[in-house]
Amino acid sequence: MDNFDAYVGLDVHKDTIAVAFAEGERSGEVCSLGSIPHETTAINRMVKKLAARFEAISFAYEAGPCGYGLHRPKKGVGGFNRSAQHL
């Protein structure tokens, strides 16, 4: 299993993305960053903000119609290749 400094969860909707993260260590901080617009500039700003704080980040998002659209432009970003399947 890979070790990351932070794990970021994205709840992806048509117009917004709810963002939360958990620090990689067991006693680390868990924090909701709220919602951002579902726009490339807002997503890039969020990734840069998190990358300034954490070196190795794993992103998880829904594997639905909105989540797959998020995956395409971020495919080359480290850790941005995990998706949660609907059960």
Protein backbone atom coordinates (compact mmCIF):
# COMPACT_ATOMS: atom_id res chain seq x y z
CA MET A 1 0.00 0.00 0.00
CA ASP A 2 1.27 3.46 -0.89
CA ASN A 3 1.99 5.98 1.86
CA PHE A 4 0.73 9.48 1.32
CA ASP A 5 1.01 12.68 3.35
CA ALA A 6 -2.69 13.37 2.74
CA TYR A 7 -5.77 11.65 1.40
CA VAL A 8 -8.27 13.93 -0.34
CA GLY A 9 -11.91 12.99 -0.94
CA LEU A 10 -13.92 14.76 -3.64
CA ASP A 11 -17.72 14.58 -3.74
CA VAL A 12 -18.27 15.58 -7.35
CA HIS A 13 -21.50 17.18 -8.57
CA LYS A 14 -22.40 18.89 -11.82
CA ASP A 15 -21.77 22.44 -10.50
CA THR A 16 -19.69 21.94 -7.33
CA ILE A 17 -17.12 19.66 -5.71
CA ALA A 18 -17.05 19.15 -1.94
CA VAL A 19 -13.44 18.72 -0.76
CA ALA A 20 -12.13 17.11 2.43
CA PHE A 21 -8.75 15.71 3.45
CA ALA A 22 -7.17 13.53 6.09
CA GLU A 23 -3.50 13.72 6.96
CA GLY A 24 -1.62 10.49 6.33
CA GLU A 25 -0.63 9.75 9.91
CA ARG A 26 -3.05 7.98 12.24
CA SER A 27 -3.49 10.98 14.55
CA GLY A 28 -3.50 13.51 11.70
CA GLU A 29 -6.01 16.26 11.04
CA VAL A 30 -9.26 15.58 9.19
CA CYS A 31 -10.75 18.68 7.63
CA SER A 32 -13.51 19.74 5.25
CA LEU A 33 -12.40 22.47 2.86
CA GLY A 34 -15.99 23.12 1.78
CA SER A 35 -17.20 23.28 -1.81
CA ILE A 36 -15.49 24.68 -4.87
CA PRO A 37 -16.96 25.37 -8.31
CA HIS A 38 -16.68 22.46 -10.75
CA GLU A 39 -14.36 24.50 -12.97
CA THR A 40 -10.80 23.81 -14.11
CA THR A 41 -9.37 26.98 -12.53
CA ALA A 42 -10.94 26.21 -9.13
CA ILE A 43 -9.74 22.60 -9.27
CA ASN A 44 -6.19 23.68 -10.20
CA ARG A 45 -6.19 26.24 -7.37
CA MET A 46 -7.31 23.56 -4.88
CA VAL A 47 -4.61 21.11 -6.07
CA LYS A 48 -1.90 23.81 -5.81
CA LYS A 49 -3.07 24.78 -2.30
CA LEU A 50 -2.89 21.18 -1.12
CA ALA A 51 0.42 20.54 -2.92
CA ALA A 52 1.96 23.49 -1.05
CA ARG A 53 1.11 21.77 2.23
CA PHE A 54 1.60 18.07 1.37
CA GLU A 55 4.19 16.36 -0.80
CA ALA A 56 2.44 13.07 -1.61
CA ILE A 57 -1.33 13.33 -2.04
CA SER A 58 -3.89 10.69 -2.97
CA PHE A 59 -7.17 11.92 -4.47
CA ALA A 60 -10.36 9.84 -4.45
CA TYR A 61 -13.56 10.77 -6.23
CA GLU A 62 -16.76 9.20 -7.48
CA ALA A 63 -16.59 7.00 -10.55
CA GLY A 64 -19.78 8.49 -11.96
CA PRO A 65 -20.52 10.81 -14.88
CA CYS A 66 -19.22 13.91 -13.05
CA GLY A 67 -16.17 12.16 -11.56
CA TYR A 68 -14.91 10.79 -14.87
CA GLY A 69 -14.91 14.32 -16.30
CA LEU A 70 -12.70 15.36 -13.40
CA HIS A 71 -10.28 12.48 -14.06
CA ARG A 72 -9.39 13.37 -17.64
CA PRO A 73 -7.64 16.73 -17.12
CA LYS A 74 -5.87 15.53 -13.93
CA LYS A 75 -4.71 12.12 -15.14
CA GLY A 76 -1.01 13.07 -14.96
CA VAL A 77 -1.18 14.55 -11.44
CA GLY A 78 0.38 12.21 -8.88
CA GLY A 79 -2.17 10.25 -6.89
CA PHE A 80 -5.08 11.59 -8.95
CA ASN A 81 -5.93 8.19 -10.38
CA ARG A 82 -8.12 6.65 -7.71
CA SER A 83 -11.85 6.47 -8.02
CA ALA A 84 -14.49 5.07 -5.70
CA GLN A 85 -16.96 2.80 -7.40
CA HIS A 86 -20.62 3.05 -6.46
CA LEU A 87 -21.78 -0.03 -4.57
